[in-house]
N, C-alpha and C. Protein backbone atom coordinates (compact mmCIF):
# COMPACT_ATOMS: atom_id res chain seq x y z
N MET A 1 -2.31 -21.19 1.46
CA MET A 1 -3.28 -19.73 1.02
C MET A 1 -4.46 -20.06 0.44
N ASP A 2 -5.79 -19.77 0.48
CA ASP A 2 -6.89 -19.73 0.02
C ASP A 2 -7.13 -18.51 -0.85
N LYS A 3 -6.55 -17.63 -0.91
CA LYS A 3 -6.42 -16.23 -1.73
C LYS A 3 -5.09 -15.54 -1.88
N HIS A 4 -5.31 -14.59 -2.95
CA HIS A 4 -4.63 -13.41 -2.81
C HIS A 4 -5.06 -12.18 -2.46
N ILE A 5 -4.79 -11.15 -1.43
CA ILE A 5 -5.40 -10.15 -1.46
C ILE A 5 -4.16 -9.20 -1.87
N ILE A 6 -4.43 -7.79 -3.12
CA ILE A 6 -3.10 -7.09 -3.11
C ILE A 6 -3.86 -6.12 -2.95
N ILE A 7 -3.18 -5.29 -2.15
CA ILE A 7 -3.84 -3.68 -1.55
C ILE A 7 -3.08 -2.35 -2.88
N GLY A 8 -3.56 -1.93 -3.08
CA GLY A 8 -2.96 -0.72 -4.13
C GLY A 8 -3.45 0.74 -3.19
N VAL A 9 -2.35 1.02 -3.20
CA VAL A 9 -2.37 2.73 -1.92
C VAL A 9 -1.51 3.88 -2.69
N HIS A 10 -2.26 4.69 -3.65
CA HIS A 10 -2.14 5.68 -4.11
C HIS A 10 -1.64 6.63 -3.11
N ILE A 11 -0.59 7.68 -3.65
CA ILE A 11 -0.30 8.67 -2.28
C ILE A 11 -0.02 9.80 -3.27
N THR A 12 -0.64 10.93 -3.05
CA THR A 12 -0.62 12.32 -3.56
C THR A 12 0.22 13.06 -2.95
N GLU A 13 1.07 14.11 -3.26
CA GLU A 13 1.93 14.34 -2.14
C GLU A 13 2.68 13.58 -1.42
N ARG A 14 3.60 12.81 -2.12
CA ARG A 14 4.45 11.50 -1.60
C ARG A 14 5.30 12.24 -0.37
N VAL A 15 6.26 13.36 -1.15
CA VAL A 15 6.69 13.19 -0.38
C VAL A 15 6.44 13.63 1.40
N GLN A 16 5.02 14.41 1.51
CA GLN A 16 4.34 15.21 2.68
C GLN A 16 4.13 13.74 3.59
N TYR A 17 3.27 12.70 2.68
CA TYR A 17 2.75 11.48 3.47
C TYR A 17 3.58 10.58 3.35
N ALA A 18 4.60 10.09 2.43
CA ALA A 18 5.16 9.60 2.51
C ALA A 18 5.73 8.26 4.13
N GLY A 19 6.06 9.40 4.95
CA GLY A 19 6.59 8.79 6.05
C GLY A 19 5.75 8.52 6.90
N GLN A 20 4.37 8.88 6.95
CA GLN A 20 3.09 8.11 8.14
C GLN A 20 2.80 7.11 7.14
N VAL A 21 2.98 6.47 5.69
CA VAL A 21 2.53 5.27 5.09
C VAL A 21 3.50 3.85 5.42
N GLN A 22 5.05 4.64 5.66
CA GLN A 22 5.77 3.76 5.84
C GLN A 22 5.32 3.52 7.34
N GLU A 23 5.50 4.20 8.32
CA GLU A 23 5.14 3.79 9.60
C GLU A 23 4.06 2.61 9.43
N VAL A 24 2.76 2.97 9.01
CA VAL A 24 2.29 1.76 8.46
C VAL A 24 2.74 0.58 8.21
N PHE A 25 3.39 0.67 7.16
CA PHE A 25 3.86 -0.62 6.18
C PHE A 25 5.03 -0.76 7.97
N THR A 26 5.81 -0.63 8.09
CA THR A 26 7.01 -1.02 8.72
C THR A 26 5.69 -1.95 9.91
N LYS A 27 4.69 -1.11 10.40
CA LYS A 27 3.89 -1.71 11.64
C LYS A 27 3.30 -3.04 11.68
N PHE A 28 2.96 -3.42 9.69
CA PHE A 28 2.54 -4.70 9.19
C PHE A 28 3.53 -4.70 8.47
N GLY A 29 4.62 -5.26 8.56
CA GLY A 29 5.87 -5.41 7.86
C GLY A 29 5.45 -7.04 8.06
N CYS A 30 5.15 -7.67 8.92
CA CYS A 30 5.59 -9.35 8.87
C CYS A 30 4.05 -9.54 8.08
N SER A 31 3.10 -8.95 7.72
CA SER A 31 2.08 -9.35 6.34
C SER A 31 2.05 -8.93 5.44
N ILE A 32 3.38 -8.30 4.97
CA ILE A 32 3.32 -8.09 3.37
C ILE A 32 4.05 -8.89 2.90
N ARG A 33 3.81 -9.60 2.08
CA ARG A 33 5.04 -9.99 1.23
C ARG A 33 5.46 -9.74 0.01
N THR A 34 5.36 -9.11 -0.62
CA THR A 34 5.31 -7.84 -1.30
C THR A 34 5.35 -7.15 -1.42
N ARG A 35 6.43 -6.49 -1.83
CA ARG A 35 5.48 -4.28 -2.08
C ARG A 35 6.16 -3.92 -3.32
N MET A 36 5.95 -3.38 -4.02
CA MET A 36 6.43 -2.41 -5.29
C MET A 36 6.21 -1.49 -5.42
N GLY A 37 6.63 -0.45 -5.40
CA GLY A 37 6.46 1.17 -5.56
C GLY A 37 7.16 1.81 -7.13
N LEU A 38 6.10 2.27 -7.11
CA LEU A 38 5.86 3.00 -9.19
C LEU A 38 5.21 4.52 -9.10
N HIS A 39 6.40 5.10 -9.42
CA HIS A 39 5.75 6.77 -9.59
C HIS A 39 6.69 6.91 -10.85
N GLU A 40 6.42 8.33 -12.00
CA GLU A 40 7.07 8.69 -12.81
C GLU A 40 8.09 9.45 -12.23
N ALA A 41 9.17 9.04 -13.21
CA ALA A 41 10.50 9.74 -12.55
C ALA A 41 11.58 9.89 -13.98
N ASP A 42 11.93 11.22 -14.31
CA ASP A 42 12.72 10.75 -15.14
C ASP A 42 13.89 11.98 -15.18
N GLU A 43 14.73 11.93 -15.53
CA GLU A 43 15.93 13.21 -15.46
C GLU A 43 15.47 14.86 -15.42
N ASN A 44 13.94 15.16 -15.21
CA ASN A 44 13.97 16.74 -15.38
C ASN A 44 13.11 16.55 -14.16
N ARG A 45 12.32 15.31 -13.72
CA ARG A 45 11.77 16.19 -12.52
C ARG A 45 11.08 14.30 -11.88
N CYS A 46 10.70 14.05 -10.93
CA CYS A 46 10.77 13.20 -9.85
C CYS A 46 8.60 13.56 -9.70
N SER A 47 8.07 12.74 -10.25
CA SER A 47 6.30 13.12 -9.45
C SER A 47 5.77 13.27 -8.17
N PRO A 48 4.99 13.81 -8.40
CA PRO A 48 4.60 14.09 -6.59
C PRO A 48 3.87 13.27 -5.86
N ASN A 49 3.04 12.04 -7.07
CA ASN A 49 2.24 11.01 -6.92
C ASN A 49 2.92 9.90 -6.77
N GLY A 50 2.75 8.91 -6.17
CA GLY A 50 3.33 7.36 -6.09
C GLY A 50 2.05 6.44 -5.76
N LEU A 51 2.65 5.26 -6.19
CA LEU A 51 1.45 4.01 -6.50
C LEU A 51 1.77 3.00 -5.37
N ILE A 52 1.85 2.11 -5.04
CA ILE A 52 2.55 0.78 -4.09
C ILE A 52 1.09 0.28 -4.20
N LEU A 53 2.41 -1.44 -4.72
CA LEU A 53 1.39 -2.53 -4.92
C LEU A 53 1.17 -2.79 -3.70
N LEU A 54 0.81 -3.98 -2.50
CA LEU A 54 1.45 -5.03 -1.46
C LEU A 54 0.33 -6.06 -1.84
N GLU A 55 1.18 -7.63 -1.27
CA GLU A 55 0.65 -8.05 -1.86
C GLU A 55 0.74 -8.62 0.03
N THR A 56 -0.55 -9.08 0.53
CA THR A 56 -0.33 -8.75 1.81
C THR A 56 -0.58 -11.07 1.78
N VAL A 57 -0.21 -11.64 3.40
CA VAL A 57 0.35 -13.10 3.46
C VAL A 57 -0.52 -13.16 4.72
N ASP A 58 -1.42 -12.32 5.84
CA ASP A 58 -2.35 -12.24 6.34
C ASP A 58 -4.11 -12.57 6.64
N ASP A 59 -4.11 -12.93 7.07
CA ASP A 59 -6.11 -12.56 7.36
C ASP A 59 -6.40 -11.68 7.18
N ASP A 60 -8.18 -11.77 6.86
CA ASP A 60 -8.73 -10.42 6.48
C ASP A 60 -8.87 -9.24 7.76
N SER A 61 -9.07 -10.16 8.61
CA SER A 61 -9.00 -9.02 10.49
C SER A 61 -7.74 -7.91 9.90
N ILE A 62 -6.50 -8.44 9.52
CA ILE A 62 -5.38 -8.02 10.12
C ILE A 62 -4.76 -7.36 8.62
N VAL A 63 -5.80 -7.54 7.36
CA VAL A 63 -5.50 -6.97 6.19
C VAL A 63 -6.65 -5.82 6.29
N ALA A 64 -7.42 -5.95 7.00
CA ALA A 64 -8.33 -4.83 7.19
C ALA A 64 -8.04 -3.76 8.76
N GLU A 65 -6.94 -3.92 9.45
CA GLU A 65 -6.46 -3.25 10.07
C GLU A 65 -5.61 -2.36 9.22
N LEU A 66 -4.84 -2.82 8.58
CA LEU A 66 -3.64 -2.34 7.54
C LEU A 66 -4.32 -1.14 7.11
N THR A 67 -5.51 -1.72 6.31
CA THR A 67 -5.81 -1.10 5.35
C THR A 67 -6.52 0.34 5.45
N ALA A 68 -7.49 -0.11 6.99
CA ALA A 68 -8.07 1.19 7.41
C ALA A 68 -7.16 2.09 8.24
N MET A 69 -5.85 1.66 8.96
CA MET A 69 -4.74 2.69 9.29
C MET A 69 -4.20 3.46 7.35
N LEU A 70 -4.39 2.89 6.47
CA LEU A 70 -3.77 3.62 5.15
C LEU A 70 -4.66 4.53 5.04
N LYS A 71 -5.99 4.59 4.96
CA LYS A 71 -6.94 5.49 4.51
C LYS A 71 -6.91 6.28 5.44
N ALA A 72 -6.39 6.24 6.48
CA ALA A 72 -7.33 7.16 7.78
C ALA A 72 -5.80 8.52 7.18
N ILE A 73 -4.87 7.99 6.47
CA ILE A 73 -3.61 9.28 6.22
C ILE A 73 -4.21 10.20 5.25
N ASP A 74 -4.06 11.39 5.48
CA ASP A 74 -4.54 12.26 4.34
C ASP A 74 -3.69 11.96 3.23
N GLY A 75 -4.16 12.05 1.42
CA GLY A 75 -3.70 12.28 0.65
C GLY A 75 -3.45 10.42 0.14
N VAL A 76 -4.06 9.65 0.91
CA VAL A 76 -3.33 8.54 0.25
C VAL A 76 -5.01 8.12 0.07
N GLU A 77 -5.32 6.91 -0.45
CA GLU A 77 -6.39 6.52 -1.88
C GLU A 77 -6.08 5.46 -1.43
N VAL A 78 -6.84 4.49 -0.79
CA VAL A 78 -6.91 2.33 -0.85
C VAL A 78 -7.57 1.98 -1.85
N GLN A 79 -7.03 0.57 -2.41
CA GLN A 79 -8.01 -0.24 -3.18
C GLN A 79 -7.69 -1.29 -3.08
N GLN A 80 -8.61 -2.41 -3.25
CA GLN A 80 -7.96 -3.57 -3.12
C GLN A 80 -8.62 -4.60 -3.83
N MET A 81 -7.78 -5.86 -4.31
CA MET A 81 -8.24 -7.05 -5.38
C MET A 81 -7.78 -8.15 -4.36
N VAL A 82 -8.80 -9.05 -4.52
CA VAL A 82 -8.70 -10.21 -4.14
C VAL A 82 -9.29 -11.18 -5.10
N PHE A 83 -8.18 -12.17 -5.42
CA PHE A 83 -8.15 -13.43 -5.95
C PHE A 83 -8.12 -14.79 -5.06
N ASP A 84 -9.72 -15.46 -5.48
CA ASP A 84 -9.32 -16.56 -4.50
C ASP A 84 -9.30 -17.76 -5.53
N HIS A 85 -8.82 -18.88 -4.07
CA HIS A 85 -8.18 -19.82 -5.00
C HIS A 85 -9.66 -20.93 -4.90
N PRO A 86 -9.99 -21.45 -5.44
CA PRO A 86 -10.76 -22.72 -4.89
C PRO A 86 -10.35 -24.04 -4.33
């Protein structure tokens, strides 16, 4: 692997949009090596927003397709970090 691509997926109103996001994750399941979900929760409440970090394993075109499908969902913001390995 010549680089790590990390995708950050911020979901607002996650109860409303999480199902659509999960469908995209399932479609690209073989391209996702690591998935970590973060959201604020305590005994009194659960945050309506969520943040998911994905480490991908496929080439740029697959990652671009995954990113585009996520960005097409209302309430979802997507950002990327790319770490090259010389």
